[in-house]
Amino acid sequence: MTQREIRERAAFKKKMQKDGYIPPNKPKLNRKKYIAEAKEEWNGRKRCYLWDHYLVDAVSYMLLQTEGTSARASPEAVGAAKVLKLAVRLKKFSDELKAAGKDTYSLAEQYEYIRDILEA
């Protein structure tokens, strides 16, 4: 596409947004701030066992996230799937430690055990 075509398309999009035919652009998400706010909310919650239920529901909703009409999995859905795989793998790591009679481990050992999921 030429620069002229790019400018024409951008102008057309702005006109369509101004006339109300298409929605305005979403503001950019400050990811670091969003994560910090989420951590603060989560850590400040009142402790109760019902949080397990709400957390499972939240992960289920995230797994359903798709991009556009192509039903392509969103990066958020992939992130939620990674969280589930990590939880299963960490449980397996813990079970293997118990079976081996060990009760201590280094973070490096644990990281190596889950590294493939984190880097996927």
PDB file of N, CA and C in Angstrom:
ATOM      1  N   MET A   1       0.831  -1.173   0.000  1.00  0.00           N
ATOM      2  CA  MET A   1       0.000   0.000   0.000  1.00  0.00           C
ATOM      3  C   MET A   1       0.884   1.247   0.000  1.00  0.00           C
ATOM      4  N   THR A   2       0.479   2.208  -0.768  1.00  0.00           N
ATOM      5  CA  THR A   2       1.253   3.451  -0.808  1.00  0.00           C
ATOM      6  C   THR A   2       0.896   4.316   0.388  1.00  0.00           C
ATOM      7  N   GLN A   3       1.733   5.315   0.642  1.00  0.00           N
ATOM      8  CA  GLN A   3       1.468   6.236   1.749  1.00  0.00           C
ATOM      9  C   GLN A   3       0.159   6.994   1.520  1.00  0.00           C
ATOM     10  N   ARG A   4      -0.126   7.310   0.273  1.00  0.00           N
ATOM     11  CA  ARG A   4      -1.377   8.014  -0.062  1.00  0.00           C
ATOM     12  C   ARG A   4      -2.586   7.153   0.300  1.00  0.00           C
ATOM     13  N   GLU A   5      -2.520   5.863  -0.024  1.00  0.00           N
ATOM     14  CA  GLU A   5      -3.629   4.956   0.298  1.00  0.00           C
ATOM     15  C   GLU A   5      -3.797   4.811   1.803  1.00  0.00           C
ATOM     16  N   ILE A   6      -2.686   4.751   2.510  1.00  0.00           N
ATOM     17  CA  ILE A   6      -2.744   4.637   3.971  1.00  0.00           C
ATOM     18  C   ILE A   6      -3.426   5.866   4.557  1.00  0.00           C
ATOM     19  N   ARG A   7      -3.041   7.065   4.078  1.00  0.00           N
ATOM     20  CA  ARG A   7      -3.661   8.307   4.576  1.00  0.00           C
ATOM     21  C   ARG A   7      -5.153   8.355   4.243  1.00  0.00           C
ATOM     22  N   GLU A   8      -5.507   7.926   3.026  1.00  0.00           N
ATOM     23  CA  GLU A   8      -6.921   7.928   2.616  1.00  0.00           C
ATOM     24  C   GLU A   8      -7.745   6.993   3.494  1.00  0.00           C
ATOM     25  N   ARG A   9      -7.211   5.808   3.772  1.00  0.00           N
ATOM     26  CA  ARG A   9      -7.931   4.860   4.625  1.00  0.00           C
ATOM     27  C   ARG A   9      -8.077   5.394   6.041  1.00  0.00           C
ATOM     28  N   ALA A  10      -7.033   6.020   6.554  1.00  0.00           N
ATOM     29  CA  ALA A  10      -7.089   6.588   7.900  1.00  0.00           C
ATOM     30  C   ALA A  10      -8.128   7.701   7.964  1.00  0.00           C
ATOM     31  N   ALA A  11      -8.157   8.553   6.943  1.00  0.00           N
ATOM     32  CA  ALA A  11      -9.146   9.639   6.909  1.00  0.00           C
ATOM     33  C   ALA A  11     -10.563   9.074   6.820  1.00  0.00           C
ATOM     34  N   PHE A  12     -10.741   8.042   6.003  1.00  0.00           N
ATOM     35  CA  PHE A  12     -12.058   7.415   5.870  1.00  0.00           C
ATOM     36  C   PHE A  12     -12.506   6.801   7.198  1.00  0.00           C
ATOM     37  N   LYS A  13     -11.569   6.141   7.874  1.00  0.00           N
ATOM     38  CA  LYS A  13     -11.894   5.535   9.173  1.00  0.00           C
ATOM     39  C   LYS A  13     -12.303   6.610  10.178  1.00  0.00           C
ATOM     40  N   LYS A  14     -11.569   7.716  10.222  1.00  0.00           N
ATOM     41  CA  LYS A  14     -11.910   8.803  11.149  1.00  0.00           C
ATOM     42  C   LYS A  14     -13.288   9.367  10.850  1.00  0.00           C
ATOM     43  N   LYS A  15     -13.605   9.518   9.567  1.00  0.00           N
ATOM     44  CA  LYS A  15     -14.924  10.031   9.187  1.00  0.00           C
ATOM     45  C   LYS A  15     -16.025   9.059   9.621  1.00  0.00           C
ATOM     46  N   MET A  16     -15.798   7.761   9.411  1.00  0.00           N
ATOM     47  CA  MET A  16     -16.785   6.751   9.805  1.00  0.00           C
ATOM     48  C   MET A  16     -16.969   6.747  11.325  1.00  0.00           C
ATOM     49  N   GLN A  17     -15.869   6.944  12.063  1.00  0.00           N
ATOM     50  CA  GLN A  17     -15.972   7.004  13.518  1.00  0.00           C
ATOM     51  C   GLN A  17     -16.723   8.262  13.947  1.00  0.00           C
ATOM     52  N   LYS A  18     -16.420   9.382  13.302  1.00  0.00           N
ATOM     53  CA  LYS A  18     -17.079  10.644  13.643  1.00  0.00           C
ATOM     54  C   LYS A  18     -18.581  10.562  13.383  1.00  0.00           C
ATOM     55  N   ASP A  19     -18.965   9.902  12.286  1.00  0.00           N
ATOM     56  CA  ASP A  19     -20.383   9.764  11.936  1.00  0.00           C
ATOM     57  C   ASP A  19     -21.086   8.683  12.750  1.00  0.00           C
ATOM     58  N   GLY A  20     -20.326   7.914  13.519  1.00  0.00           N
ATOM     59  CA  GLY A  20     -20.930   6.911  14.398  1.00  0.00           C
ATOM     60  C   GLY A  20     -21.150   5.550  13.761  1.00  0.00           C
ATOM     61  N   TYR A  21     -20.571   5.321  12.595  1.00  0.00           N
ATOM     62  CA  TYR A  21     -20.761   4.035  11.937  1.00  0.00           C
ATOM     63  C   TYR A  21     -19.866   2.946  12.511  1.00  0.00           C
ATOM     64  N   ILE A  22     -18.709   3.333  12.985  1.00  0.00           N
ATOM     65  CA  ILE A  22     -17.815   2.385  13.642  1.00  0.00           C
ATOM     66  C   ILE A  22     -17.386   2.988  14.986  1.00  0.00           C
ATOM     67  N   PRO A  23     -17.106   2.129  15.967  1.00  0.00           N
ATOM     68  CA  PRO A  23     -16.752   2.641  17.298  1.00  0.00           C
ATOM     69  C   PRO A  23     -15.380   3.318  17.300  1.00  0.00           C
ATOM     70  N   PRO A  24     -15.173   4.234  18.250  1.00  0.00           N
ATOM     71  CA  PRO A  24     -13.855   4.872  18.346  1.00  0.00           C
ATOM     72  C   PRO A  24     -12.796   3.866  18.774  1.00  0.00           C
ATOM     73  N   ASN A  25     -11.549   4.211  18.532  1.00  0.00           N
ATOM     74  CA  ASN A  25     -10.443   3.348  18.938  1.00  0.00           C
ATOM     75  C   ASN A  25     -10.422   3.209  20.451  1.00  0.00           C
ATOM     76  N   LYS A  26     -10.088   2.014  20.918  1.00  0.00           N
ATOM     77  CA  LYS A  26      -9.943   1.807  22.357  1.00  0.00           C
ATOM     78  C   LYS A  26      -8.646   2.468  22.809  1.00  0.00           C
ATOM     79  N   PRO A  27      -8.661   3.080  23.997  1.00  0.00           N
ATOM     80  CA  PRO A  27      -7.401   3.648  24.488  1.00  0.00           C
ATOM     81  C   PRO A  27      -6.395   2.538  24.773  1.00  0.00           C
ATOM     82  N   LYS A  28      -5.110   2.853  24.621  1.00  0.00           N
ATOM     83  CA  LYS A  28      -4.054   1.880  24.890  1.00  0.00           C
ATOM     84  C   LYS A  28      -4.063   1.512  26.366  1.00  0.00           C
ATOM     85  N   LEU A  29      -3.832   0.251  26.647  1.00  0.00           N
ATOM     86  CA  LEU A  29      -3.796  -0.241  28.021  1.00  0.00           C
ATOM     87  C   LEU A  29      -2.377  -0.131  28.558  1.00  0.00           C
ATOM     88  N   ASN A  30      -2.243   0.528  29.709  1.00  0.00           N
ATOM     89  CA  ASN A  30      -0.951   0.576  30.387  1.00  0.00           C
ATOM     90  C   ASN A  30      -0.821  -0.754  31.131  1.00  0.00           C
ATOM     91  N   ARG A  31      -0.119  -1.693  30.533  1.00  0.00           N
ATOM     92  CA  ARG A  31      -0.079  -3.068  31.042  1.00  0.00           C
ATOM     93  C   ARG A  31       0.552  -3.168  32.419  1.00  0.00           C
ATOM     94  N   LYS A  32       1.644  -2.456  32.649  1.00  0.00           N
ATOM     95  CA  LYS A  32       2.298  -2.518  33.954  1.00  0.00           C
ATOM     96  C   LYS A  32       1.378  -1.981  35.050  1.00  0.00           C
ATOM     97  N   LYS A  33       0.717  -0.880  34.776  1.00  0.00           N
ATOM     98  CA  LYS A  33      -0.201  -0.290  35.752  1.00  0.00           C
ATOM     99  C   LYS A  33      -1.386  -1.235  36.005  1.00  0.00           C
ATOM    100  N   TYR A  34      -1.905  -1.816  34.940  1.00  0.00           N
ATOM    101  CA  TYR A  34      -3.041  -2.734  35.048  1.00  0.00           C
ATOM    102  C   TYR A  34      -2.682  -3.946  35.912  1.00  0.00           C
ATOM    103  N   ILE A  35      -1.492  -4.502  35.681  1.00  0.00           N
ATOM    104  CA  ILE A  35      -1.034  -5.656  36.453  1.00  0.00           C
ATOM    105  C   ILE A  35      -0.843  -5.273  37.916  1.00  0.00           C
ATOM    106  N   ALA A  36      -0.246  -4.100  38.147  1.00  0.00           N
ATOM    107  CA  ALA A  36      -0.039  -3.649  39.530  1.00  0.00           C
ATOM    108  C   ALA A  36      -1.373  -3.466  40.256  1.00  0.00           C
ATOM    109  N   GLU A  37      -2.362  -2.893  39.568  1.00  0.00           N
ATOM    110  CA  GLU A  37      -3.690  -2.714  40.167  1.00  0.00           C
ATOM    111  C   GLU A  37      -4.342  -4.054  40.469  1.00  0.00           C
ATOM    112  N   ALA A  38      -4.221  -4.989  39.536  1.00  0.00           N
ATOM    113  CA  ALA A  38      -4.820  -6.316  39.736  1.00  0.00           C
ATOM    114  C   ALA A  38      -4.172  -7.025  40.923  1.00  0.00           C
ATOM    115  N   LYS A  39      -2.849  -6.953  41.026  1.00  0.00           N
ATOM    116  CA  LYS A  39      -2.150  -7.578  42.151  1.00  0.00           C
ATOM    117  C   LYS A  39      -2.585  -6.950  43.467  1.00  0.00           C
ATOM    118  N   GLU A  40      -2.711  -5.629  43.469  1.00  0.00           N
ATOM    119  CA  GLU A  40      -3.130  -4.927  44.688  1.00  0.00           C
ATOM    120  C   GLU A  40      -4.540  -5.348  45.101  1.00  0.00           C
ATOM    121  N   GLU A  41      -5.461  -5.414  44.132  1.00  0.00           N
ATOM    122  CA  GLU A  41      -6.828  -5.865  44.429  1.00  0.00           C
ATOM    123  C   GLU A  41      -6.826  -7.294  44.966  1.00  0.00           C
ATOM    124  N   TRP A  42      -6.071  -8.168  44.294  1.00  0.00           N
ATOM    125  CA  TRP A  42      -6.050  -9.579  44.683  1.00  0.00           C
ATOM    126  C   TRP A  42      -5.454  -9.759  46.075  1.00  0.00           C
ATOM    127  N   ASN A  43      -4.352  -9.086  46.326  1.00  0.00           N
ATOM    128  CA  ASN A  43      -3.698  -9.219  47.628  1.00  0.00           C
ATOM    129  C   ASN A  43      -4.491  -8.549  48.755  1.00  0.00           C
ATOM    130  N   GLY A  44      -5.347  -7.597  48.414  1.00  0.00           N
ATOM    131  CA  GLY A  44      -6.145  -6.897  49.408  1.00  0.00           C
ATOM    132  C   GLY A  44      -7.511  -7.507  49.659  1.00  0.00           C
ATOM    133  N   ARG A  45      -7.806  -8.617  48.991  1.00  0.00           N
ATOM    134  CA  ARG A  45      -9.126  -9.232  49.146  1.00  0.00           C
ATOM    135  C   ARG A  45      -9.271  -9.869  50.530  1.00  0.00           C
ATOM    136  N   LYS A  46     -10.499  -9.999  50.961  1.00  0.00           N
ATOM    137  CA  LYS A  46     -10.778 -10.698  52.216  1.00  0.00           C
ATOM    138  C   LYS A  46     -10.646 -12.195  51.946  1.00  0.00           C
ATOM    139  N   ARG A  47      -9.931 -12.882  52.800  1.00  0.00           N
ATOM    140  CA  ARG A  47      -9.651 -14.314  52.580  1.00  0.00           C
ATOM    141  C   ARG A  47     -10.888 -15.163  52.873  1.00  0.00           C
ATOM    142  N   CYS A  48     -11.207 -16.034  51.923  1.00  0.00           N
ATOM    143  CA  CYS A  48     -12.258 -17.038  52.119  1.00  0.00           C
ATOM    144  C   CYS A  48     -12.097 -18.104  51.038  1.00  0.00           C
ATOM    145  N   TYR A  49     -12.683 -19.267  51.264  1.00  0.00           N
ATOM    146  CA  TYR A  49     -12.529 -20.376  50.316  1.00  0.00           C
ATOM    147  C   TYR A  49     -13.333 -20.187  49.042  1.00  0.00           C
ATOM    148  N   LEU A  50     -14.274 -19.260  49.021  1.00  0.00           N
ATOM    149  CA  LEU A  50     -15.048 -19.019  47.806  1.00  0.00           C
ATOM    150  C   LEU A  50     -14.200 -18.431  46.684  1.00  0.00           C
ATOM    151  N   TRP A  51     -13.050 -17.870  47.011  1.00  0.00           N
ATOM    152  CA  TRP A  51     -12.198 -17.293  45.972  1.00  0.00           C
ATOM    153  C   TRP A  51     -11.764 -18.342  44.962  1.00  0.00           C
ATOM    154  N   ASP A  52     -11.608 -19.592  45.407  1.00  0.00           N
ATOM    155  CA  ASP A  52     -11.255 -20.661  44.468  1.00  0.00           C
ATOM    156  C   ASP A  52     -12.305 -20.767  43.365  1.00  0.00           C
ATOM    157  N   HIS A  53     -13.559 -20.695  43.753  1.00  0.00           N
ATOM    158  CA  HIS A  53     -14.672 -20.773  42.799  1.00  0.00           C
ATOM    159  C   HIS A  53     -14.617 -19.593  41.816  1.00  0.00           C
ATOM    160  N   TYR A  54     -14.447 -18.378  42.346  1.00  0.00           N
ATOM    161  CA  TYR A  54     -14.418 -17.197  41.489  1.00  0.00           C
ATOM    162  C   TYR A  54     -13.202 -17.215  40.562  1.00  0.00           C
ATOM    163  N   LEU A  55     -12.088 -17.697  41.067  1.00  0.00           N
ATOM    164  CA  LEU A  55     -10.877 -17.775  40.253  1.00  0.00           C
ATOM    165  C   LEU A  55     -11.053 -18.767  39.103  1.00  0.00           C
ATOM    166  N   VAL A  56     -11.647 -19.899  39.370  1.00  0.00           N
ATOM    167  CA  VAL A  56     -11.900 -20.893  38.317  1.00  0.00           C
ATOM    168  C   VAL A  56     -12.857 -20.312  37.276  1.00  0.00           C
ATOM    169  N   ASP A  57     -13.897 -19.626  37.722  1.00  0.00           N
ATOM    170  CA  ASP A  57     -14.822 -18.984  36.774  1.00  0.00           C
ATOM    171  C   ASP A  57     -14.099 -17.953  35.912  1.00  0.00           C
ATOM    172  N   ALA A  58     -13.238 -17.157  36.536  1.00  0.00           N
ATOM    173  CA  ALA A  58     -12.510 -16.128  35.797  1.00  0.00           C
ATOM    174  C   ALA A  58     -11.601 -16.753  34.742  1.00  0.00           C
ATOM    175  N   VAL A  59     -10.894 -17.795  35.102  1.00  0.00           N
ATOM    176  CA  VAL A  59     -10.016 -18.469  34.144  1.00  0.00           C
ATOM    177  C   VAL A  59     -10.852 -19.056  33.005  1.00  0.00           C
ATOM    178  N   SER A  60     -12.000 -19.609  33.318  1.00  0.00           N
ATOM    179  CA  SER A  60     -12.874 -20.170  32.274  1.00  0.00           C
ATOM    180  C   SER A  60     -13.287 -19.095  31.273  1.00  0.00           C
ATOM    181  N   TYR A  61     -13.633 -17.907  31.778  1.00  0.00           N
ATOM    182  CA  TYR A  61     -13.991 -16.813  30.870  1.00  0.00           C
ATOM    183  C   TYR A  61     -12.805 -16.408  29.995  1.00  0.00           C
ATOM    184  N   MET A  62     -11.618 -16.371  30.584  1.00  0.00           N
ATOM    185  CA  MET A  62     -10.441 -15.976  29.812  1.00  0.00           C
ATOM    186  C   MET A  62     -10.126 -16.994  28.723  1.00  0.00           C
ATOM    187  N   LEU A  63     -10.366 -18.268  28.994  1.00  0.00           N
ATOM    188  CA  LEU A  63     -10.106 -19.299  27.993  1.00  0.00           C
ATOM    189  C   LEU A  63     -11.038 -19.173  26.790  1.00  0.00           C
ATOM    190  N   LEU A  64     -12.157 -18.513  26.968  1.00  0.00           N
ATOM    191  CA  LEU A  64     -13.120 -18.339  25.878  1.00  0.00           C
ATOM    192  C   LEU A  64     -12.807 -17.132  24.999  1.00  0.00           C
ATOM    193  N   GLN A  65     -11.834 -16.320  25.391  1.00  0.00           N
ATOM    194  CA  GLN A  65     -11.517 -15.102  24.636  1.00  0.00           C
ATOM    195  C   GLN A  65     -10.967 -15.444  23.264  1.00  0.00           C
ATOM    196  N   THR A  66     -11.561 -14.829  22.256  1.00  0.00           N
ATOM    197  CA  THR A  66     -11.086 -15.010  20.885  1.00  0.00           C
ATOM    198  C   THR A  66     -10.906 -13.643  20.246  1.00  0.00           C
ATOM    199  N   GLU A  67     -10.191 -13.615  19.152  1.00  0.00           N
ATOM    200  CA  GLU A  67      -9.940 -12.372  18.433  1.00  0.00           C
ATOM    201  C   GLU A  67     -10.791 -12.319  17.178  1.00  0.00           C
ATOM    202  N   GLY A  68     -11.628 -11.319  17.096  1.00  0.00           N
ATOM    203  CA  GLY A  68     -12.415 -11.081  15.892  1.00  0.00           C
ATOM    204  C   GLY A  68     -13.342 -12.218  15.533  1.00  0.00           C
ATOM    205  N   THR A  69     -13.693 -12.250  14.275  1.00  0.00           N
ATOM    206  CA  THR A  69     -14.641 -13.257  13.797  1.00  0.00           C
ATOM    207  C   THR A  69     -13.953 -14.564  13.428  1.00  0.00           C
ATOM    208  N   SER A  70     -12.629 -14.573  13.419  1.00  0.00           N
ATOM    209  CA  SER A  70     -11.901 -15.783  13.017  1.00  0.00           C
ATOM    210  C   SER A  70     -11.868 -16.820  14.133  1.00  0.00           C
ATOM    211  N   ALA A  71     -12.314 -16.446  15.319  1.00  0.00           N
ATOM    212  CA  ALA A  71     -12.310 -17.332  16.491  1.00  0.00           C
ATOM    213  C   ALA A  71     -10.895 -17.787  16.836  1.00  0.00           C
ATOM    214  N   ARG A  72      -9.916 -16.953  16.529  1.00  0.00           N
ATOM    215  CA  ARG A  72      -8.530 -17.220  16.885  1.00  0.00           C
ATOM    216  C   ARG A  72      -8.341 -16.971  18.363  1.00  0.00           C
ATOM    217  N   ALA A  73      -7.625 -17.835  19.026  1.00  0.00           N
ATOM    218  CA  ALA A  73      -7.388 -17.671  20.457  1.00  0.00           C
ATOM    219  C   ALA A  73      -6.595 -16.398  20.710  1.00  0.00           C
ATOM    220  N   SER A  74      -7.023 -15.622  21.685  1.00  0.00           N
ATOM    221  CA  SER A  74      -6.332 -14.374  22.016  1.00  0.00           C
ATOM    222  C   SER A  74      -5.097 -14.659  22.863  1.00  0.00           C
ATOM    223  N   PRO A  75      -4.174 -13.708  22.935  1.00  0.00           N
ATOM    224  CA  PRO A  75      -3.018 -13.875  23.819  1.00  0.00           C
ATOM    225  C   PRO A  75      -3.447 -14.040  25.289  1.00  0.00           C
ATOM    226  N   GLU A  76      -4.556 -13.420  25.653  1.00  0.00           N
ATOM    227  CA  GLU A  76      -5.069 -13.554  27.013  1.00  0.00           C
ATOM    228  C   GLU A  76      -5.505 -14.981  27.300  1.00  0.00           C
ATOM    229  N   ALA A  77      -6.168 -15.604  26.310  1.00  0.00           N
ATOM    230  CA  ALA A  77      -6.618 -16.987  26.473  1.00  0.00           C
ATOM    231  C   ALA A  77      -5.417 -17.920  26.598  1.00  0.00           C
ATOM    232  N   VAL A  78      -4.385 -17.649  25.819  1.00  0.00           N
ATOM    233  CA  VAL A  78      -3.166 -18.457  25.908  1.00  0.00           C
ATOM    234  C   VAL A  78      -2.541 -18.279  27.294  1.00  0.00           C
ATOM    235  N   GLY A  79      -2.540 -17.053  27.808  1.00  0.00           N
ATOM    236  CA  GLY A  79      -2.001 -16.798  29.147  1.00  0.00           C
ATOM    237  C   GLY A  79      -2.767 -17.547  30.215  1.00  0.00           C
ATOM    238  N   ALA A  80      -4.097 -17.568  30.099  1.00  0.00           N
ATOM    239  CA  ALA A  80      -4.914 -18.305  31.061  1.00  0.00           C
ATOM    240  C   ALA A  80      -4.629 -19.807  30.965  1.00  0.00           C
ATOM    241  N   ALA A  81      -4.449 -20.305  29.748  1.00  0.00           N
ATOM    242  CA  ALA A  81      -4.128 -21.725  29.572  1.00  0.00           C
ATOM    243  C   ALA A  81      -2.774 -22.050  30.196  1.00  0.00           C
ATOM    244  N   LYS A  82      -1.815 -21.129  30.065  1.00  0.00           N
ATOM    245  CA  LYS A  82      -0.508 -21.329  30.680  1.00  0.00           C
ATOM    246  C   LYS A  82      -0.633 -21.410  32.204  1.00  0.00           C
ATOM    247  N   VAL A  83      -1.488 -20.573  32.773  1.00  0.00           N
ATOM    248  CA  VAL A  83      -1.690 -20.601  34.227  1.00  0.00           C
ATOM    249  C   VAL A  83      -2.198 -21.977  34.649  1.00  0.00           C
ATOM    250  N   LEU A  84      -3.142 -22.525  33.903  1.00  0.00           N
ATOM    251  CA  LEU A  84      -3.671 -23.850  34.236  1.00  0.00           C
ATOM    252  C   LEU A  84      -2.585 -24.917  34.114  1.00  0.00           C
ATOM    253  N   LYS A  85      -1.816 -24.864  33.019  1.00  0.00           N
ATOM    254  CA  LYS A  85      -0.748 -25.851  32.831  1.00  0.00           C
ATOM    255  C   LYS A  85       0.314 -25.726  33.928  1.00  0.00           C
ATOM    256  N   LEU A  86       0.610 -24.484  34.331  1.00  0.00           N
ATOM    257  CA  LEU A  86       1.580 -24.277  35.408  1.00  0.00           C
ATOM    258  C   LEU A  86       1.090 -24.872  36.722  1.00  0.00           C
ATOM    259  N   ALA A  87      -0.194 -24.662  37.026  1.00  0.00           N
ATOM    260  CA  ALA A  87      -0.738 -25.200  38.273  1.00  0.00           C
ATOM    261  C   ALA A  87      -0.636 -26.727  38.294  1.00  0.00           C
ATOM    262  N   VAL A  88      -0.971 -27.366  37.191  1.00  0.00           N
ATOM    263  CA  VAL A  88      -0.899 -28.830  37.110  1.00  0.00           C
ATOM    264  C   VAL A  88       0.552 -29.293  37.242  1.00  0.00           C
ATOM    265  N   ARG A  89       1.463 -28.612  36.551  1.00  0.00           N
ATOM    266  CA  ARG A  89       2.873 -28.998  36.595  1.00  0.00           C
ATOM    267  C   ARG A  89       3.467 -28.777  37.992  1.00  0.00           C
ATOM    268  N   LEU A  90       3.093 -27.670  38.654  1.00  0.00           N
ATOM    269  CA  LEU A  90       3.608 -27.416  40.006  1.00  0.00           C
ATOM    270  C   LEU A  90       3.114 -28.473  40.992  1.00  0.00           C
ATOM    271  N   LYS A  91       1.872 -28.919  40.815  1.00  0.00           N
ATOM    272  CA  LYS A  91       1.343 -30.000  41.662  1.00  0.00           C
ATOM    273  C   LYS A  91       2.143 -31.278  41.421  1.00  0.00           C
ATOM    274  N   LYS A  92       2.431 -31.571  40.155  1.00  0.00           N
ATOM    275  CA  LYS A  92       3.212 -32.762  39.810  1.00  0.00           C
ATOM    276  C   LYS A  92       4.612 -32.669  40.425  1.00  0.00           C
ATOM    277  N   PHE A  93       5.224 -31.488  40.374  1.00  0.00           N
ATOM    278  CA  PHE A  93       6.543 -31.264  40.969  1.00  0.00           C
ATOM    279  C   PHE A  93       6.499 -31.546  42.470  1.00  0.00           C
ATOM    280  N   SER A  94       5.471 -31.042  43.114  1.00  0.00           N
ATOM    281  CA  SER A  94       5.308 -31.259  44.553  1.00  0.00           C
ATOM    282  C   SER A  94       5.125 -32.739  44.874  1.00  0.00           C
ATOM    283  N   ASP A  95       4.310 -33.420  44.080  1.00  0.00           N
ATOM    284  CA  ASP A  95       4.077 -34.853  44.297  1.00  0.00           C
ATOM    285  C   ASP A  95       5.355 -35.658  44.117  1.00  0.00           C
ATOM    286  N   GLU A  96       6.158 -35.309  43.102  1.00  0.00           N
ATOM    287  CA  GLU A  96       7.415 -36.019  42.872  1.00  0.00           C
ATOM    288  C   GLU A  96       8.402 -35.789  44.017  1.00  0.00           C
ATOM    289  N   LEU A  97       8.423 -34.591  44.575  1.00  0.00           N
ATOM    290  CA  LEU A  97       9.283 -34.319  45.730  1.00  0.00           C
ATOM    291  C   LEU A  97       8.882 -35.187  46.921  1.00  0.00           C
ATOM    292  N   LYS A  98       7.572 -35.250  47.171  1.00  0.00           N
ATOM    293  CA  LYS A  98       7.073 -36.062  48.287  1.00  0.00           C
ATOM    294  C   LYS A  98       7.414 -37.535  48.076  1.00  0.00           C
ATOM    295  N   ALA A  99       7.244 -38.013  46.853  1.00  0.00           N
ATOM    296  CA  ALA A  99       7.530 -39.417  46.552  1.00  0.00           C
ATOM    297  C   ALA A  99       9.018 -39.732  46.738  1.00  0.00           C
ATOM    298  N   ALA A 100       9.867 -38.750  46.489  1.00  0.00           N
ATOM    299  CA  ALA A 100      11.302 -38.944  46.656  1.00  0.00           C
ATOM    300  C   ALA A 100      11.736 -38.711  48.105  1.00  0.00           C
ATOM    301  N   GLY A 101      10.790 -38.311  48.951  1.00  0.00           N
ATOM    302  CA  GLY A 101      11.099 -38.075  50.353  1.00  0.00           C
ATOM    303  C   GLY A 101      11.794 -36.751  50.616  1.00  0.00           C
ATOM    304  N   LYS A 102      11.716 -35.841  49.670  1.00  0.00           N
ATOM    305  CA  LYS A 102      12.346 -34.538  49.845  1.00  0.00           C
ATOM    306  C   LYS A 102      11.298 -33.524  50.307  1.00  0.00           C
ATOM    307  N   ASP A 103      11.712 -32.602  51.166  1.00  0.00           N
ATOM    308  CA  ASP A 103      10.785 -31.551  51.576  1.00  0.00           C
ATOM    309  C   ASP A 103      11.340 -30.154  51.287  1.00  0.00           C
ATOM    310  N   THR A 104      12.511 -30.097  50.675  1.00  0.00           N
ATOM    311  CA  THR A 104      13.088 -28.808  50.274  1.00  0.00           C
ATOM    312  C   THR A 104      13.514 -28.874  48.819  1.00  0.00           C
ATOM    313  N   TYR A 105      13.543 -27.716  48.189  1.00  0.00           N
ATOM    314  CA  TYR A 105      13.972 -27.609  46.799  1.00  0.00           C
ATOM    315  C   TYR A 105      14.408 -26.174  46.562  1.00  0.00           C
ATOM    316  N   SER A 106      15.145 -25.966  45.504  1.00  0.00           N
ATOM    317  CA  SER A 106      15.552 -24.606  45.152  1.00  0.00           C
ATOM    318  C   SER A 106      14.582 -24.062  44.102  1.00  0.00           C
ATOM    319  N   LEU A 107      14.500 -22.752  44.036  1.00  0.00           N
ATOM    320  CA  LEU A 107      13.656 -22.136  43.014  1.00  0.00           C
ATOM    321  C   LEU A 107      14.172 -22.472  41.621  1.00  0.00           C
ATOM    322  N   ALA A 108      15.472 -22.651  41.495  1.00  0.00           N
ATOM    323  CA  ALA A 108      16.037 -23.018  40.195  1.00  0.00           C
ATOM    324  C   ALA A 108      15.529 -24.385  39.754  1.00  0.00           C
ATOM    325  N   GLU A 109      15.434 -25.342  40.692  1.00  0.00           N
ATOM    326  CA  GLU A 109      14.896 -26.674  40.357  1.00  0.00           C
ATOM    327  C   GLU A 109      13.442 -26.565  39.903  1.00  0.00           C
ATOM    328  N   GLN A 110      12.677 -25.788  40.650  1.00  0.00           N
ATOM    329  CA  GLN A 110      11.267 -25.623  40.299  1.00  0.00           C
ATOM    330  C   GLN A 110      11.133 -24.930  38.943  1.00  0.00           C
ATOM    331  N   TYR A 111      11.934 -23.902  38.727  1.00  0.00           N
ATOM    332  CA  TYR A 111      11.888 -23.185  37.454  1.00  0.00           C
ATOM    333  C   TYR A 111      12.224 -24.105  36.284  1.00  0.00           C
ATOM    334  N   GLU A 112      13.237 -24.908  36.410  1.00  0.00           N
ATOM    335  CA  GLU A 112      13.603 -25.835  35.341  1.00  0.00           C
ATOM    336  C   GLU A 112      12.467 -26.809  35.041  1.00  0.00           C
ATOM    337  N   TYR A 113      11.717 -27.157  36.061  1.00  0.00           N
ATOM    338  CA  TYR A 113      10.612 -28.100  35.896  1.00  0.00           C
ATOM    339  C   TYR A 113       9.464 -27.482  35.091  1.00  0.00           C
ATOM    340  N   ILE A 114       9.276 -26.167  35.199  1.00  0.00           N
ATOM    341  CA  ILE A 114       8.152 -25.501  34.518  1.00  0.00           C
ATOM    342  C   ILE A 114       8.599 -24.603  33.363  1.00  0.00           C
ATOM    343  N   ARG A 115       9.864 -24.568  33.112  1.00  0.00           N
ATOM    344  CA  ARG A 115      10.438 -23.651  32.121  1.00  0.00           C
ATOM    345  C   ARG A 115       9.799 -23.767  30.744  1.00  0.00           C
ATOM    346  N   ASP A 116       9.536 -24.967  30.274  1.00  0.00           N
ATOM    347  CA  ASP A 116       8.976 -25.144  28.939  1.00  0.00           C
ATOM    348  C   ASP A 116       7.607 -24.483  28.791  1.00  0.00           C
ATOM    349  N   ILE A 117       6.835 -24.468  29.864  1.00  0.00           N
ATOM    350  CA  ILE A 117       5.520 -23.832  29.817  1.00  0.00           C
ATOM    351  C   ILE A 117       5.680 -22.315  29.784  1.00  0.00           C
ATOM    352  N   LEU A 118       6.557 -21.790  30.610  1.00  0.00           N
ATOM    353  CA  LEU A 118       6.774 -20.351  30.659  1.00  0.00           C
ATOM    354  C   LEU A 118       7.285 -19.812  29.330  1.00  0.00           C
ATOM    355  N   GLU A 119       8.097 -20.592  28.649  1.00  0.00           N
ATOM    356  CA  GLU A 119       8.702 -20.135  27.384  1.00  0.00           C
ATOM    357  C   GLU A 119       7.878 -20.493  26.161  1.00  0.00           C
ATOM    358  N   ALA A 120       6.775 -21.184  26.323  1.00  0.00           N
ATOM    359  CA  ALA A 120       5.941 -21.587  25.173  1.00  0.00           C
ATOM    360  C   ALA A 120       5.270 -20.377  24.535  1.00  0.00           C
TER     361      ALA A 120
END
